[in-house]
């Protein structure tokens, strides 16, 4: 394998895949997640010097599995885990998913379990799915590392107490659980785009990670309009990030921003996703917000009007909801307004 991408980015993408395999084989989120973190640390230490192995996912899985086996043999206080790890001797179980199977969505459902508070959901998601260390999460939220560690530990225990399993939720609960996942990603992005604490107005590490995870969710739920809408909203909002603050850190209103600093390639992608999302019923909050953000990001008035026509034309024609009617009406008013009236 060529060294085509940074090791850190590669590891973050592989982390949920490796954790998903371990969870399917042995269960116990706390042990499996700790083992994955050990494997990630080993890779981050060795790969820059030795090079990325031909099968990086297999390398991480082997190291993490060995860590689990070592802990099971050496720590007699963890008897309950030995039963799960003992299956290692006979190899993967019969229901092992095919190669290339991605358990990111299942992990997100688990980390965003409704029994957890929003801060715990975000911290556990960043750790288990995002592959961030406890120290990185603590720095991102400007809280002590011990606080984050305790939050994550309690979240894992709560999931265990609730009897949650590493499976997709039943159909009757699926929509509500998807909304919970999207809400966590939305909060994560907002915290990165407009920080609620600390001296920095923006924390790009959080917003970038939220976009990456939302892309991963869309890969597995490509026909969900809310997922597509949330990704569009993030891309369109993030496209203005560079022009949003001045040299002194002050906020620059939308009408006064230097639009040459906007990421127009990202805007093009975001607008296309917003149009697609708006045409996928039923309409929800993220589709509506994405439609409005698409209008905000158009550079000229003619472009804004063109977007309104595209979004309006894509709106579901059969039995239109009151939400879609309100959204189209509001979008039309925004497009017709002078840019000075637009919020940041």
C-alpha atoms as a PDB file:
ATOM      1  CA  UNK A   1       0.000   0.000   0.000  1.00  0.00           C
ATOM      2  CA  UNK A   2       1.304   3.465  -0.860  1.00  0.00           C
ATOM      3  CA  UNK A   3       1.565   6.205   1.725  1.00  0.00           C
ATOM      4  CA  UNK A   4      -1.226   8.109  -0.039  1.00  0.00           C
ATOM      5  CA  UNK A   5      -2.836   9.635   3.035  1.00  0.00           C
ATOM      6  CA  UNK A   6      -1.674  10.724   6.481  1.00  0.00           C
ATOM      7  CA  UNK A   7      -1.422   7.948   9.041  1.00  0.00           C
ATOM      8  CA  UNK A   8      -3.724   9.784  11.434  1.00  0.00           C
ATOM      9  CA  UNK A   9      -6.502  10.090   8.866  1.00  0.00           C
ATOM     10  CA  UNK A  10      -6.098   6.451   7.863  1.00  0.00           C
ATOM     11  CA  UNK A  11      -6.278   5.277  11.471  1.00  0.00           C
ATOM     12  CA  UNK A  12      -9.403   7.287  12.209  1.00  0.00           C
ATOM     13  CA  UNK A  13     -11.144   5.683   9.271  1.00  0.00           C
ATOM     14  CA  UNK A  14     -10.084   2.186  10.306  1.00  0.00           C
ATOM     15  CA  UNK A  15     -10.837   2.530  14.025  1.00  0.00           C
ATOM     16  CA  UNK A  16     -14.617   1.901  13.849  1.00  0.00           C
ATOM     17  CA  UNK A  17     -14.133  -0.956  11.391  1.00  0.00           C
ATOM     18  CA  UNK A  18     -11.726  -2.791  13.705  1.00  0.00           C
ATOM     19  CA  UNK A  19     -13.851  -2.091  16.771  1.00  0.00           C
ATOM     20  CA  UNK A  20     -16.906  -3.377  14.932  1.00  0.00           C
ATOM     21  CA  UNK A  21     -15.210  -6.700  14.166  1.00  0.00           C
ATOM     22  CA  UNK A  22     -14.110  -7.119  17.792  1.00  0.00           C
ATOM     23  CA  UNK A  23     -17.568  -6.258  19.091  1.00  0.00           C
ATOM     24  CA  UNK A  24     -19.164  -8.829  16.802  1.00  0.00           C
ATOM     25  CA  UNK A  25     -16.723 -11.513  17.907  1.00  0.00           C
ATOM     26  CA  UNK A  26     -16.363 -10.908  21.615  1.00  0.00           C
ATOM     27  CA  UNK A  27     -18.709  -8.169  22.852  1.00  0.00           C
ATOM     28  CA  UNK A  28     -17.838  -5.917  25.829  1.00  0.00           C
ATOM     29  CA  UNK A  29     -17.448  -2.395  24.503  1.00  0.00           C
ATOM     30  CA  UNK A  30     -15.036  -1.303  27.220  1.00  0.00           C
ATOM     31  CA  UNK A  31     -12.470  -4.073  26.607  1.00  0.00           C
ATOM     32  CA  UNK A  32     -12.745  -3.989  22.822  1.00  0.00           C
ATOM     33  CA  UNK A  33     -12.491  -0.203  22.642  1.00  0.00           C
ATOM     34  CA  UNK A  34      -9.446  -0.178  24.924  1.00  0.00           C
ATOM     35  CA  UNK A  35      -7.805  -2.827  22.758  1.00  0.00           C
ATOM     36  CA  UNK A  36      -8.440  -0.791  19.613  1.00  0.00           C
ATOM     37  CA  UNK A  37      -6.905   2.276  21.254  1.00  0.00           C
ATOM     38  CA  UNK A  38      -3.810   0.224  22.112  1.00  0.00           C
ATOM     39  CA  UNK A  39      -3.580  -0.928  18.499  1.00  0.00           C
ATOM     40  CA  UNK A  40      -3.995   2.627  17.202  1.00  0.00           C
ATOM     41  CA  UNK A  41      -1.232   3.819  19.502  1.00  0.00           C
ATOM     42  CA  UNK A  42       1.072   1.045  18.310  1.00  0.00           C
ATOM     43  CA  UNK A  43       0.339   1.913  14.681  1.00  0.00           C
ATOM     44  CA  UNK A  44       0.865   5.649  15.224  1.00  0.00           C
ATOM     45  CA  UNK A  45       4.250   4.846  16.771  1.00  0.00           C
ATOM     46  CA  UNK A  46       5.476   2.275  14.244  1.00  0.00           C
ATOM     47  CA  UNK A  47       3.932   3.086  10.877  1.00  0.00           C
ATOM     48  CA  UNK A  48       5.613   6.470  10.282  1.00  0.00           C
ATOM     49  CA  UNK A  49       9.002   4.765  10.490  1.00  0.00           C
ATOM     50  CA  UNK A  50       8.243   1.262   9.208  1.00  0.00           C
ATOM     51  CA  UNK A  51       5.677   2.221   6.599  1.00  0.00           C
ATOM     52  CA  UNK A  52       1.993   1.359   6.372  1.00  0.00           C
ATOM     53  CA  UNK A  53       1.448  -2.422   6.100  1.00  0.00           C
ATOM     54  CA  UNK A  54      -0.205  -3.932   3.037  1.00  0.00           C
ATOM     55  CA  UNK A  55      -3.281  -4.775   5.101  1.00  0.00           C
ATOM     56  CA  UNK A  56      -3.539  -2.016   7.742  1.00  0.00           C
ATOM     57  CA  UNK A  57      -6.982  -3.142   8.903  1.00  0.00           C
ATOM     58  CA  UNK A  58      -5.750  -6.698   9.443  1.00  0.00           C
ATOM     59  CA  UNK A  59      -2.664  -5.404  11.257  1.00  0.00           C
ATOM     60  CA  UNK A  60      -4.769  -3.391  13.688  1.00  0.00           C
ATOM     61  CA  UNK A  61      -7.171  -6.285  14.206  1.00  0.00           C
ATOM     62  CA  UNK A  62      -4.307  -8.676  14.995  1.00  0.00           C
ATOM     63  CA  UNK A  63      -2.726  -6.301  17.519  1.00  0.00           C
ATOM     64  CA  UNK A  64      -6.056  -5.513  19.197  1.00  0.00           C
ATOM     65  CA  UNK A  65      -6.972  -9.206  19.412  1.00  0.00           C
ATOM     66  CA  UNK A  66      -3.633 -10.011  21.030  1.00  0.00           C
ATOM     67  CA  UNK A  67      -4.198  -7.243  23.574  1.00  0.00           C
ATOM     68  CA  UNK A  68      -7.564  -8.761  24.466  1.00  0.00           C
ATOM     69  CA  UNK A  69      -6.008 -12.193  24.863  1.00  0.00           C
ATOM     70  CA  UNK A  70      -3.197 -10.824  27.045  1.00  0.00           C
ATOM     71  CA  UNK A  71      -5.623  -9.017  29.322  1.00  0.00           C
ATOM     72  CA  UNK A  72      -7.867 -12.052  29.637  1.00  0.00           C
ATOM     73  CA  UNK A  73      -4.928 -14.272  30.656  1.00  0.00           C
ATOM     74  CA  UNK A  74      -3.284 -11.827  33.067  1.00  0.00           C
ATOM     75  CA  UNK A  75      -6.211 -10.216  34.857  1.00  0.00           C
ATOM     76  CA  UNK A  76      -8.116 -12.744  36.930  1.00  0.00           C
ATOM     77  CA  UNK A  77     -10.558 -10.034  38.010  1.00  0.00           C
ATOM     78  CA  UNK A  78     -11.965 -10.027  34.489  1.00  0.00           C
ATOM     79  CA  UNK A  79     -13.298 -13.562  34.465  1.00  0.00           C
ATOM     80  CA  UNK A  80     -16.468 -12.536  32.704  1.00  0.00           C
ATOM     81  CA  UNK A  81     -14.453 -11.438  29.675  1.00  0.00           C
ATOM     82  CA  UNK A  82     -12.549 -14.694  29.329  1.00  0.00           C
ATOM     83  CA  UNK A  83     -15.581 -16.510  27.993  1.00  0.00           C
ATOM     84  CA  UNK A  84     -15.828 -14.089  25.114  1.00  0.00           C
ATOM     85  CA  UNK A  85     -12.110 -14.036  24.404  1.00  0.00           C
ATOM     86  CA  UNK A  86     -11.766 -17.842  24.612  1.00  0.00           C
ATOM     87  CA  UNK A  87     -13.401 -18.041  21.199  1.00  0.00           C
ATOM     88  CA  UNK A  88     -10.157 -16.699  19.742  1.00  0.00           C
ATOM     89  CA  UNK A  89      -8.621 -20.169  19.850  1.00  0.00           C
ATOM     90  CA  UNK A  90     -11.141 -21.485  17.363  1.00  0.00           C
ATOM     91  CA  UNK A  91     -11.074 -18.451  15.073  1.00  0.00           C
ATOM     92  CA  UNK A  92     -13.887 -16.121  13.954  1.00  0.00           C
ATOM     93  CA  UNK A  93     -17.483 -17.238  14.524  1.00  0.00           C
ATOM     94  CA  UNK A  94     -19.629 -18.542  11.700  1.00  0.00           C
ATOM     95  CA  UNK A  95     -21.585 -15.295  11.355  1.00  0.00           C
ATOM     96  CA  UNK A  96     -18.483 -13.189  10.700  1.00  0.00           C
ATOM     97  CA  UNK A  97     -19.477 -10.438   8.217  1.00  0.00           C
ATOM     98  CA  UNK A  98     -17.851 -10.449   4.776  1.00  0.00           C
ATOM     99  CA  UNK A  99     -14.582  -8.654   4.124  1.00  0.00           C
ATOM    100  CA  UNK A 100     -15.087  -4.935   3.682  1.00  0.00           C
ATOM    101  CA  UNK A 101     -18.181  -4.864   5.909  1.00  0.00           C
ATOM    102  CA  UNK A 102     -18.408  -1.548   7.778  1.00  0.00           C
ATOM    103  CA  UNK A 103     -19.939  -1.438  11.260  1.00  0.00           C
ATOM    104  CA  UNK A 104     -19.638   2.341  11.664  1.00  0.00           C
ATOM    105  CA  UNK A 105     -23.408   2.867  11.703  1.00  0.00           C
ATOM    106  CA  UNK A 106     -23.954   0.106  14.273  1.00  0.00           C
ATOM    107  CA  UNK A 107     -21.256   1.652  16.466  1.00  0.00           C
ATOM    108  CA  UNK A 108     -22.876   5.061  16.162  1.00  0.00           C
ATOM    109  CA  UNK A 109     -26.217   3.626  17.243  1.00  0.00           C
ATOM    110  CA  UNK A 110     -24.511   2.105  20.283  1.00  0.00           C
ATOM    111  CA  UNK A 111     -22.591   5.268  21.210  1.00  0.00           C
ATOM    112  CA  UNK A 112     -25.734   7.394  20.795  1.00  0.00           C
ATOM    113  CA  UNK A 113     -27.871   5.124  22.958  1.00  0.00           C
ATOM    114  CA  UNK A 114     -30.889   7.055  24.291  1.00  0.00           C
ATOM    115  CA  UNK A 115     -29.944   6.211  27.896  1.00  0.00           C
ATOM    116  CA  UNK A 116     -26.856   8.457  27.598  1.00  0.00           C
ATOM    117  CA  UNK A 117     -26.715  12.217  27.972  1.00  0.00           C
ATOM    118  CA  UNK A 118     -25.715  14.297  24.951  1.00  0.00           C
ATOM    119  CA  UNK A 119     -22.203  15.117  26.324  1.00  0.00           C
ATOM    120  CA  UNK A 120     -21.622  11.412  26.983  1.00  0.00           C
ATOM    121  CA  UNK A 121     -22.875  10.461  23.534  1.00  0.00           C
ATOM    122  CA  UNK A 122     -20.507  12.928  21.887  1.00  0.00           C
ATOM    123  CA  UNK A 123     -17.495  11.907  23.976  1.00  0.00           C
ATOM    124  CA  UNK A 124     -18.075   8.190  23.404  1.00  0.00           C
ATOM    125  CA  UNK A 125     -18.659   8.749  19.678  1.00  0.00           C
ATOM    126  CA  UNK A 126     -15.422  10.694  19.306  1.00  0.00           C
ATOM    127  CA  UNK A 127     -13.521   7.998  21.197  1.00  0.00           C
ATOM    128  CA  UNK A 128     -15.028   4.793  19.773  1.00  0.00           C
ATOM    129  CA  UNK A 129     -16.008   5.892  16.263  1.00  0.00           C
ATOM    130  CA  UNK A 130     -13.772   8.892  15.694  1.00  0.00           C
ATOM    131  CA  UNK A 131     -10.652   7.248  17.063  1.00  0.00           C
ATOM    132  CA  UNK A 132      -9.679  10.299  19.144  1.00  0.00           C
ATOM    133  CA  UNK A 133      -7.766   9.803  22.364  1.00  0.00           C
ATOM    134  CA  UNK A 134      -9.167  10.953  25.685  1.00  0.00           C
ATOM    135  CA  UNK A 135      -6.594  13.760  25.729  1.00  0.00           C
ATOM    136  CA  UNK A 136      -7.643  14.961  22.274  1.00  0.00           C
ATOM    137  CA  UNK A 137     -11.314  15.027  23.278  1.00  0.00           C
ATOM    138  CA  UNK A 138     -10.464  16.906  26.475  1.00  0.00           C
ATOM    139  CA  UNK A 139      -8.500  19.523  24.527  1.00  0.00           C
ATOM    140  CA  UNK A 140     -11.335  19.912  22.027  1.00  0.00           C
ATOM    141  CA  UNK A 141     -13.877  20.664  24.774  1.00  0.00           C
ATOM    142  CA  UNK A 142     -11.442  22.446  27.117  1.00  0.00           C
ATOM    143  CA  UNK A 143     -12.177  20.171  30.058  1.00  0.00           C
ATOM    144  CA  UNK A 144      -9.797  18.102  32.220  1.00  0.00           C
ATOM    145  CA  UNK A 145      -8.756  14.776  30.739  1.00  0.00           C
ATOM    146  CA  UNK A 146      -9.959  13.014  33.898  1.00  0.00           C
ATOM    147  CA  UNK A 147     -13.439  14.439  33.345  1.00  0.00           C
ATOM    148  CA  UNK A 148     -13.612  13.031  29.815  1.00  0.00           C
ATOM    149  CA  UNK A 149     -12.240   9.668  30.943  1.00  0.00           C
ATOM    150  CA  UNK A 150     -14.874   9.447  33.654  1.00  0.00           C
ATOM    151  CA  UNK A 151     -17.619  10.471  31.245  1.00  0.00           C
ATOM    152  CA  UNK A 152     -16.622   7.783  28.761  1.00  0.00           C
ATOM    153  CA  UNK A 153     -16.267   5.133  31.475  1.00  0.00           C
ATOM    154  CA  UNK A 154     -19.716   5.893  32.859  1.00  0.00           C
ATOM    155  CA  UNK A 155     -21.210   5.828  29.366  1.00  0.00           C
ATOM    156  CA  UNK A 156     -19.789   2.365  28.706  1.00  0.00           C
ATOM    157  CA  UNK A 157     -21.111   1.109  32.035  1.00  0.00           C
ATOM    158  CA  UNK A 158     -24.546   2.585  31.344  1.00  0.00           C
ATOM    159  CA  UNK A 159     -24.684   0.838  27.982  1.00  0.00           C
ATOM    160  CA  UNK A 160     -23.745  -2.427  29.707  1.00  0.00           C
ATOM    161  CA  UNK A 161     -26.404  -1.888  32.387  1.00  0.00           C
ATOM    162  CA  UNK A 162     -29.023  -1.222  29.724  1.00  0.00           C
ATOM    163  CA  UNK A 163     -28.243  -4.573  28.100  1.00  0.00           C
ATOM    164  CA  UNK A 164     -27.538  -2.928  24.739  1.00  0.00           C
ATOM    165  CA  UNK A 165     -26.184  -5.291  22.087  1.00  0.00           C
ATOM    166  CA  UNK A 166     -24.013  -4.702  19.049  1.00  0.00           C
ATOM    167  CA  UNK A 167     -26.854  -4.908  16.555  1.00  0.00           C
ATOM    168  CA  UNK A 168     -28.866  -2.485  14.481  1.00  0.00           C
ATOM    169  CA  UNK A 169     -32.021  -1.314  16.272  1.00  0.00           C
ATOM    170  CA  UNK A 170     -35.309  -3.027  15.367  1.00  0.00           C
ATOM    171  CA  UNK A 171     -37.335  -1.372  12.567  1.00  0.00           C
ATOM    172  CA  UNK A 172     -39.806   0.142  15.041  1.00  0.00           C
ATOM    173  CA  UNK A 173     -36.986   2.077  16.750  1.00  0.00           C
ATOM    174  CA  UNK A 174     -34.791   2.763  13.741  1.00  0.00           C
ATOM    175  CA  UNK A 175     -36.094   6.237  12.800  1.00  0.00           C
ATOM    176  CA  UNK A 176     -35.812   7.532  16.362  1.00  0.00           C
ATOM    177  CA  UNK A 177     -32.319   6.104  16.746  1.00  0.00           C
ATOM    178  CA  UNK A 178     -31.186   7.610  13.426  1.00  0.00           C
ATOM    179  CA  UNK A 179     -32.452  10.989  14.626  1.00  0.00           C
ATOM    180  CA  UNK A 180     -30.436  10.559  17.828  1.00  0.00           C
ATOM    181  CA  UNK A 181     -27.275   9.858  15.825  1.00  0.00           C
ATOM    182  CA  UNK A 182     -27.855  12.869  13.574  1.00  0.00           C
ATOM    183  CA  UNK A 183     -28.510  15.084  16.586  1.00  0.00           C
ATOM    184  CA  UNK A 184     -25.178  14.089  18.135  1.00  0.00           C
ATOM    185  CA  UNK A 185     -23.332  14.794  14.877  1.00  0.00           C
ATOM    186  CA  UNK A 186     -25.169  18.121  14.571  1.00  0.00           C
ATOM    187  CA  UNK A 187     -24.144  19.141  18.104  1.00  0.00           C
ATOM    188  CA  UNK A 188     -20.575  18.038  17.425  1.00  0.00           C
ATOM    189  CA  UNK A 189     -20.393  20.170  14.275  1.00  0.00           C
ATOM    190  CA  UNK A 190     -21.930  23.200  15.966  1.00  0.00           C
ATOM    191  CA  UNK A 191     -19.468  22.980  18.844  1.00  0.00           C
ATOM    192  CA  UNK A 192     -16.639  23.007  16.317  1.00  0.00           C
ATOM    193  CA  UNK A 193     -18.076  25.767  14.142  1.00  0.00           C
ATOM    194  CA  UNK A 194     -19.106  28.092  16.977  1.00  0.00           C
ATOM    195  CA  UNK A 195     -17.419  27.062  20.197  1.00  0.00           C
ATOM    196  CA  UNK A 196     -19.417  27.575  23.369  1.00  0.00           C
ATOM    197  CA  UNK A 197     -16.311  27.840  25.547  1.00  0.00           C
ATOM    198  CA  UNK A 198     -12.698  28.867  25.289  1.00  0.00           C
ATOM    199  CA  UNK A 199     -10.907  31.696  23.504  1.00  0.00           C
ATOM    200  CA  UNK A 200     -11.207  30.219  20.014  1.00  0.00           C
ATOM    201  CA  UNK A 201     -14.382  30.908  18.083  1.00  0.00           C
ATOM    202  CA  UNK A 202     -13.956  27.803  15.944  1.00  0.00           C
ATOM    203  CA  UNK A 203     -12.477  24.351  16.519  1.00  0.00           C
ATOM    204  CA  UNK A 204     -12.001  22.844  13.097  1.00  0.00           C
ATOM    205  CA  UNK A 205     -10.992  19.441  14.479  1.00  0.00           C
ATOM    206  CA  UNK A 206     -14.514  18.888  15.821  1.00  0.00           C
ATOM    207  CA  UNK A 207     -16.372  20.215  12.785  1.00  0.00           C
ATOM    208  CA  UNK A 208     -14.131  18.247  10.409  1.00  0.00           C
ATOM    209  CA  UNK A 209     -14.708  15.048  12.385  1.00  0.00           C
ATOM    210  CA  UNK A 210     -18.462  15.640  12.386  1.00  0.00           C
ATOM    211  CA  UNK A 211     -18.419  15.982   8.592  1.00  0.00           C
ATOM    212  CA  UNK A 212     -16.355  12.810   8.221  1.00  0.00           C
ATOM    213  CA  UNK A 213     -18.714  10.779  10.407  1.00  0.00           C
ATOM    214  CA  UNK A 214     -21.791  12.173   8.660  1.00  0.00           C
ATOM    215  CA  UNK A 215     -20.290  11.117   5.328  1.00  0.00           C
ATOM    216  CA  UNK A 216     -19.807   7.636   6.775  1.00  0.00           C
ATOM    217  CA  UNK A 217     -23.460   7.513   7.847  1.00  0.00           C
ATOM    218  CA  UNK A 218     -24.618   8.651   4.408  1.00  0.00           C
ATOM    219  CA  UNK A 219     -22.556   5.899   2.796  1.00  0.00           C
ATOM    220  CA  UNK A 220     -24.710   3.388   4.671  1.00  0.00           C
ATOM    221  CA  UNK A 221     -27.991   5.332   4.460  1.00  0.00           C
ATOM    222  CA  UNK A 222     -27.789   6.950   1.011  1.00  0.00           C
ATOM    223  CA  UNK A 223     -31.568   7.210   0.575  1.00  0.00           C
ATOM    224  CA  UNK A 224     -32.245   8.997   3.877  1.00  0.00           C
ATOM    225  CA  UNK A 225     -33.093  12.616   3.124  1.00  0.00           C
ATOM    226  CA  UNK A 226     -32.327  13.768   6.656  1.00  0.00           C
ATOM    227  CA  UNK A 227     -28.818  12.308   6.525  1.00  0.00           C
ATOM    228  CA  UNK A 228     -28.175  13.894   3.134  1.00  0.00           C
ATOM    229  CA  UNK A 229     -29.618  17.169   4.375  1.00  0.00           C
ATOM    230  CA  UNK A 230     -27.369  17.224   7.430  1.00  0.00           C
ATOM    231  CA  UNK A 231     -24.266  16.571   5.323  1.00  0.00           C
ATOM    232  CA  UNK A 232     -25.306  19.336   2.922  1.00  0.00           C
ATOM    233  CA  UNK A 233     -25.883  21.724   5.817  1.00  0.00           C
ATOM    234  CA  UNK A 234     -22.448  20.996   7.265  1.00  0.00           C
ATOM    235  CA  UNK A 235     -20.636  21.423   3.946  1.00  0.00           C
ATOM    236  CA  UNK A 236     -22.438  24.655   3.074  1.00  0.00           C
ATOM    237  CA  UNK A 237     -21.843  26.135   6.515  1.00  0.00           C
ATOM    238  CA  UNK A 238     -18.218  25.028   6.722  1.00  0.00           C
ATOM    239  CA  UNK A 239     -17.528  26.485   3.256  1.00  0.00           C
ATOM    240  CA  UNK A 240     -17.752  30.002   4.744  1.00  0.00           C
ATOM    241  CA  UNK A 241     -15.471  29.256   7.692  1.00  0.00           C
ATOM    242  CA  UNK A 242     -12.318  31.020   6.442  1.00  0.00           C
ATOM    243  CA  UNK A 243     -14.162  34.271   5.709  1.00  0.00           C
ATOM    244  CA  UNK A 244     -16.222  34.231   8.881  1.00  0.00           C
ATOM    245  CA  UNK A 245     -13.714  35.876  11.230  1.00  0.00           C
ATOM    246  CA  UNK A 246     -11.331  38.796  10.941  1.00  0.00           C
ATOM    247  CA  UNK A 247      -7.685  38.998  11.913  1.00  0.00           C
ATOM    248  CA  UNK A 248      -8.658  39.969  15.437  1.00  0.00           C
ATOM    249  CA  UNK A 249     -11.060  37.071  15.768  1.00  0.00           C
ATOM    250  CA  UNK A 250     -14.164  39.226  15.333  1.00  0.00           C
ATOM    251  CA  UNK A 251     -17.197  37.822  13.517  1.00  0.00           C
ATOM    252  CA  UNK A 252     -17.727  39.182  10.003  1.00  0.00           C
ATOM    253  CA  UNK A 253     -21.405  39.387   8.918  1.00  0.00           C
ATOM    254  CA  UNK A 254     -22.306  37.446   5.802  1.00  0.00           C
ATOM    255  CA  UNK A 255     -22.890  40.560   3.702  1.00  0.00           C
ATOM    256  CA  UNK A 256     -19.377  41.820   4.513  1.00  0.00           C
ATOM    257  CA  UNK A 257     -17.470  38.584   4.019  1.00  0.00           C
ATOM    258  CA  UNK A 258     -14.839  38.228   1.303  1.00  0.00           C
ATOM    259  CA  UNK A 259     -16.554  35.612  -0.827  1.00  0.00           C
ATOM    260  CA  UNK A 260     -13.341  34.811  -2.658  1.00  0.00           C
ATOM    261  CA  UNK A 261     -12.329  33.074   0.573  1.00  0.00           C
ATOM    262  CA  UNK A 262     -15.344  30.769   0.451  1.00  0.00           C
ATOM    263  CA  UNK A 263     -14.767  27.179  -0.642  1.00  0.00           C
ATOM    264  CA  UNK A 264     -16.806  27.255  -3.845  1.00  0.00           C
ATOM    265  CA  UNK A 265     -16.077  23.637  -4.705  1.00  0.00           C
ATOM    266  CA  UNK A 266     -17.564  22.613  -1.372  1.00  0.00           C
ATOM    267  CA  UNK A 267     -20.529  24.920  -1.964  1.00  0.00           C
ATOM    268  CA  UNK A 268     -21.226  23.212  -5.291  1.00  0.00           C
ATOM    269  CA  UNK A 269     -21.252  19.828  -3.593  1.00  0.00           C
ATOM    270  CA  UNK A 270     -23.405  21.121  -0.758  1.00  0.00           C
ATOM    271  CA  UNK A 271     -25.985  22.691  -3.062  1.00  0.00           C
ATOM    272  CA  UNK A 272     -26.273  19.457  -5.058  1.00  0.00           C
ATOM    273  CA  UNK A 273     -26.819  17.503  -1.845  1.00  0.00           C
ATOM    274  CA  UNK A 274     -29.362  20.054  -0.601  1.00  0.00           C
ATOM    275  CA  UNK A 275     -31.374  19.732  -3.802  1.00  0.00           C
ATOM    276  CA  UNK A 276     -31.218  15.947  -3.552  1.00  0.00           C
ATOM    277  CA  UNK A 277     -32.237  15.990   0.109  1.00  0.00           C
ATOM    278  CA  UNK A 278     -35.148  18.355  -0.473  1.00  0.00           C
ATOM    279  CA  UNK A 279     -36.512  15.953  -3.059  1.00  0.00           C
ATOM    280  CA  UNK A 280     -36.469  13.016  -0.651  1.00  0.00           C
ATOM    281  CA  UNK A 281     -39.614  12.800   1.489  1.00  0.00           C
ATOM    282  CA  UNK A 282     -40.521  13.145   4.233  1.00  0.00           C
ATOM    283  CA  UNK A 283     -39.016  16.568   4.807  1.00  0.00           C
ATOM    284  CA  UNK A 284     -37.326  17.241   8.126  1.00  0.00           C
ATOM    285  CA  UNK A 285     -35.361  19.908   9.924  1.00  0.00           C
ATOM    286  CA  UNK A 286     -31.975  19.196   8.322  1.00  0.00           C
ATOM    287  CA  UNK A 287     -33.345  19.232   4.779  1.00  0.00           C
ATOM    288  CA  UNK A 288     -35.009  22.589   5.453  1.00  0.00           C
ATOM    289  CA  UNK A 289     -31.895  24.086   7.044  1.00  0.00           C
ATOM    290  CA  UNK A 290     -29.760  22.796   4.169  1.00  0.00           C
ATOM    291  CA  UNK A 291     -32.095  24.388   1.612  1.00  0.00           C
ATOM    292  CA  UNK A 292     -31.794  27.752   3.345  1.00  0.00           C
ATOM    293  CA  UNK A 293     -28.009  27.394   3.727  1.00  0.00           C
ATOM    294  CA  UNK A 294     -27.751  26.672  -0.002  1.00  0.00           C
ATOM    295  CA  UNK A 295     -29.430  29.997  -0.707  1.00  0.00           C
ATOM    296  CA  UNK A 296     -27.090  31.801   1.686  1.00  0.00           C
ATOM    297  CA  UNK A 297     -24.037  30.397  -0.051  1.00  0.00           C
ATOM    298  CA  UNK A 298     -25.003  31.404  -3.592  1.00  0.00           C
ATOM    299  CA  UNK A 299     -22.781  34.244  -4.723  1.00  0.00           C
ATOM    300  CA  UNK A 300     -25.171  36.345  -6.813  1.00  0.00           C
ATOM    301  CA  UNK A 301     -28.879  37.055  -6.758  1.00  0.00           C
ATOM    302  CA  UNK A 302     -29.500  35.234 -10.033  1.00  0.00           C
ATOM    303  CA  UNK A 303     -27.755  32.179  -8.594  1.00  0.00           C
ATOM    304  CA  UNK A 304     -29.920  32.331  -5.505  1.00  0.00           C
ATOM    305  CA  UNK A 305     -33.082  32.450  -7.562  1.00  0.00           C
ATOM    306  CA  UNK A 306     -31.846  29.528  -9.648  1.00  0.00           C
ATOM    307  CA  UNK A 307     -31.319  27.520  -6.478  1.00  0.00           C
ATOM    308  CA  UNK A 308     -34.833  28.322  -5.296  1.00  0.00           C
ATOM    309  CA  UNK A 309     -36.233  26.977  -8.549  1.00  0.00           C
ATOM    310  CA  UNK A 310     -34.092  23.831  -8.248  1.00  0.00           C
ATOM    311  CA  UNK A 311     -35.114  23.226  -4.666  1.00  0.00           C
ATOM    312  CA  UNK A 312     -38.755  24.033  -5.300  1.00  0.00           C
ATOM    313  CA  UNK A 313     -38.828  21.740  -8.323  1.00  0.00           C
ATOM    314  CA  UNK A 314     -37.331  18.904  -6.311  1.00  0.00           C
ATOM    315  CA  UNK A 315     -39.912  19.237  -3.538  1.00  0.00           C
ATOM    316  CA  UNK A 316     -42.159  16.145  -3.360  1.00  0.00           C
ATOM    317  CA  UNK A 317     -45.214  16.923  -5.475  1.00  0.00           C
ATOM    318  CA  UNK A 318     -47.485  14.245  -4.093  1.00  0.00           C
ATOM    319  CA  UNK A 319     -49.386  15.342  -0.979  1.00  0.00           C
ATOM    320  CA  UNK A 320     -46.979  18.168  -0.040  1.00  0.00           C
ATOM    321  CA  UNK A 321     -46.582  18.675   3.680  1.00  0.00           C
ATOM    322  CA  UNK A 322     -47.043  21.976   5.445  1.00  0.00           C
ATOM    323  CA  UNK A 323     -43.319  21.822   6.288  1.00  0.00           C
ATOM    324  CA  UNK A 324     -42.288  21.727   2.626  1.00  0.00           C
ATOM    325  CA  UNK A 325     -44.663  24.587   1.817  1.00  0.00           C
ATOM    326  CA  UNK A 326     -43.249  26.741   4.622  1.00  0.00           C
ATOM    327  CA  UNK A 327     -39.692  25.892   3.617  1.00  0.00           C
ATOM    328  CA  UNK A 328     -40.210  26.771  -0.066  1.00  0.00           C
ATOM    329  CA  UNK A 329     -41.916  30.027   0.917  1.00  0.00           C
ATOM    330  CA  UNK A 330     -39.151  30.982   3.318  1.00  0.00           C
ATOM    331  CA  UNK A 331     -36.440  30.018   0.844  1.00  0.00           C
ATOM    332  CA  UNK A 332     -38.066  32.202  -1.799  1.00  0.00           C
ATOM    333  CA  UNK A 333     -38.154  35.188   0.578  1.00  0.00           C
ATOM    334  CA  UNK A 334     -34.487  34.695   1.455  1.00  0.00           C
ATOM    335  CA  UNK A 335     -33.448  34.501  -2.191  1.00  0.00           C
ATOM    336  CA  UNK A 336     -35.332  37.669  -3.020  1.00  0.00           C
ATOM    337  CA  UNK A 337     -33.880  39.613  -0.111  1.00  0.00           C
ATOM    338  CA  UNK A 338     -30.812  41.794  -0.261  1.00  0.00           C
ATOM    339  CA  UNK A 339     -27.692  39.967   0.940  1.00  0.00           C
ATOM    340  CA  UNK A 340     -27.311  42.447   3.799  1.00  0.00           C
ATOM    341  CA  UNK A 341     -30.329  40.885   5.496  1.00  0.00           C
ATOM    342  CA  UNK A 342     -28.776  37.451   5.659  1.00  0.00           C
ATOM    343  CA  UNK A 343     -27.456  36.209   8.976  1.00  0.00           C
ATOM    344  CA  UNK A 344     -23.990  34.841   9.372  1.00  0.00           C
END
